[in-house]
Amino acid sequence: MTPAIEAELRALLATPQRFSSYQAIVDWLWQQHQIRLSYSAVYALVRQKLQLRLNVRRGNHKEQPYDRSKHRVS
């Protein structure tokens, strides 16, 4: 991978919600640059070489109220 492609990827990763997963990056590399990398190679590239993380909002849930009847010790 060329430094120019790494710089482009770094810029795209700085864009909020650009990639929702590492697989999306794998697909982007193939579609835009015909570079085929495995999921683990892309993960290592992003996390170790570029020292970045995906900024993906995960769904959140409402915490269920505590129910004492389900946690009785007999």
C-alpha atoms as a PDB file:
ATOM      1  CA  MET A   1       0.000   0.000   0.000  1.00  0.00           C
ATOM      2  CA  THR A   2       1.376   3.372  -0.964  1.00  0.00           C
ATOM      3  CA  PRO A   3       1.774   6.271   1.480  1.00  0.00           C
ATOM      4  CA  ALA A   4      -0.806   8.210  -0.548  1.00  0.00           C
ATOM      5  CA  ILE A   5      -3.438   5.505  -0.001  1.00  0.00           C
ATOM      6  CA  GLU A   6      -2.566   5.355   3.703  1.00  0.00           C
ATOM      7  CA  ALA A   7      -3.014   9.141   3.922  1.00  0.00           C
ATOM      8  CA  GLU A   8      -6.370   8.900   2.136  1.00  0.00           C
ATOM      9  CA  LEU A   9      -7.505   6.141   4.486  1.00  0.00           C
ATOM     10  CA  ARG A  10      -6.361   8.163   7.512  1.00  0.00           C
ATOM     11  CA  ALA A  11      -8.369  11.162   6.285  1.00  0.00           C
ATOM     12  CA  LEU A  12     -11.460   9.022   5.694  1.00  0.00           C
ATOM     13  CA  LEU A  13     -11.161   7.463   9.145  1.00  0.00           C
ATOM     14  CA  ALA A  14     -11.164  10.968  10.628  1.00  0.00           C
ATOM     15  CA  THR A  15     -14.579  11.523   9.019  1.00  0.00           C
ATOM     16  CA  PRO A  16     -17.313  10.572  11.509  1.00  0.00           C
ATOM     17  CA  GLN A  17     -19.273   7.461  10.532  1.00  0.00           C
ATOM     18  CA  ARG A  18     -17.331   6.922   7.278  1.00  0.00           C
ATOM     19  CA  PHE A  19     -16.654   3.248   7.929  1.00  0.00           C
ATOM     20  CA  SER A  20     -18.957   1.177  10.093  1.00  0.00           C
ATOM     21  CA  SER A  21     -16.609  -1.805  10.297  1.00  0.00           C
ATOM     22  CA  TYR A  22     -13.178  -3.076   9.352  1.00  0.00           C
ATOM     23  CA  GLN A  23     -14.868  -5.141   6.644  1.00  0.00           C
ATOM     24  CA  ALA A  24     -16.121  -1.879   5.111  1.00  0.00           C
ATOM     25  CA  ILE A  25     -12.481  -0.761   4.888  1.00  0.00           C
ATOM     26  CA  VAL A  26     -11.522  -4.066   3.241  1.00  0.00           C
ATOM     27  CA  ASP A  27     -14.288  -3.517   0.678  1.00  0.00           C
ATOM     28  CA  TRP A  28     -13.300   0.137   0.106  1.00  0.00           C
ATOM     29  CA  LEU A  29      -9.657  -0.803  -0.512  1.00  0.00           C
ATOM     30  CA  TRP A  30     -10.720  -3.352  -3.100  1.00  0.00           C
ATOM     31  CA  GLN A  31     -13.311  -1.170  -4.844  1.00  0.00           C
ATOM     32  CA  GLN A  32     -11.277   2.038  -4.937  1.00  0.00           C
ATOM     33  CA  HIS A  33      -7.691   0.783  -5.237  1.00  0.00           C
ATOM     34  CA  GLN A  34      -7.908  -2.914  -6.206  1.00  0.00           C
ATOM     35  CA  ILE A  35      -5.960  -3.796  -3.061  1.00  0.00           C
ATOM     36  CA  ARG A  36      -7.057  -7.054  -1.506  1.00  0.00           C
ATOM     37  CA  LEU A  37      -6.226  -7.329   2.183  1.00  0.00           C
ATOM     38  CA  SER A  38      -7.604  -9.692   4.768  1.00  0.00           C
ATOM     39  CA  TYR A  39      -9.732  -8.459   7.651  1.00  0.00           C
ATOM     40  CA  SER A  40      -6.893  -9.112  10.101  1.00  0.00           C
ATOM     41  CA  ALA A  41      -4.416  -7.212   7.925  1.00  0.00           C
ATOM     42  CA  VAL A  42      -6.727  -4.182   7.769  1.00  0.00           C
ATOM     43  CA  TYR A  43      -7.331  -4.375  11.520  1.00  0.00           C
ATOM     44  CA  ALA A  44      -3.566  -4.415  12.156  1.00  0.00           C
ATOM     45  CA  LEU A  45      -3.013  -1.565   9.691  1.00  0.00           C
ATOM     46  CA  VAL A  46      -5.615   0.678  11.300  1.00  0.00           C
ATOM     47  CA  ARG A  47      -4.923  -0.157  14.941  1.00  0.00           C
ATOM     48  CA  GLN A  48      -1.144  -0.621  14.941  1.00  0.00           C
ATOM     49  CA  LYS A  49       0.369   1.239  12.012  1.00  0.00           C
ATOM     50  CA  LEU A  50      -2.066   4.166  11.792  1.00  0.00           C
ATOM     51  CA  GLN A  51      -2.822   3.981  15.539  1.00  0.00           C
ATOM     52  CA  LEU A  52      -6.499   4.748  14.977  1.00  0.00           C
ATOM     53  CA  ARG A  53      -9.810   3.236  15.982  1.00  0.00           C
ATOM     54  CA  LEU A  54     -13.135   3.131  14.242  1.00  0.00           C
ATOM     55  CA  ASN A  55     -15.513   5.657  15.755  1.00  0.00           C
ATOM     56  CA  VAL A  56     -18.678   3.644  15.473  1.00  0.00           C
ATOM     57  CA  ARG A  57     -21.644   4.345  17.689  1.00  0.00           C
ATOM     58  CA  ARG A  58     -23.002   1.147  19.061  1.00  0.00           C
ATOM     59  CA  GLY A  59     -26.627   0.756  20.013  1.00  0.00           C
ATOM     60  CA  ASN A  60     -27.431   1.320  23.634  1.00  0.00           C
ATOM     61  CA  HIS A  61     -30.115  -0.249  25.711  1.00  0.00           C
ATOM     62  CA  LYS A  62     -32.208   0.843  28.616  1.00  0.00           C
ATOM     63  CA  GLU A  63     -31.063  -0.866  31.750  1.00  0.00           C
ATOM     64  CA  GLN A  64     -33.775  -3.027  33.185  1.00  0.00           C
ATOM     65  CA  PRO A  65     -34.936  -2.135  36.695  1.00  0.00           C
ATOM     66  CA  TYR A  66     -33.541  -4.355  39.427  1.00  0.00           C
ATOM     67  CA  ASP A  67     -35.954  -7.115  40.396  1.00  0.00           C
ATOM     68  CA  ARG A  68     -35.204  -8.513  43.853  1.00  0.00           C
ATOM     69  CA  SER A  69     -37.436 -11.575  43.352  1.00  0.00           C
ATOM     70  CA  LYS A  70     -35.066 -12.897  40.672  1.00  0.00           C
ATOM     71  CA  HIS A  71     -32.000 -12.619  42.894  1.00  0.00           C
ATOM     72  CA  ARG A  72     -33.027 -14.174  46.174  1.00  0.00           C
ATOM     73  CA  VAL A  73     -30.566 -16.333  47.978  1.00  0.00           C
ATOM     74  CA  SER A  74     -32.291 -19.328  49.569  1.00  0.00           C
END
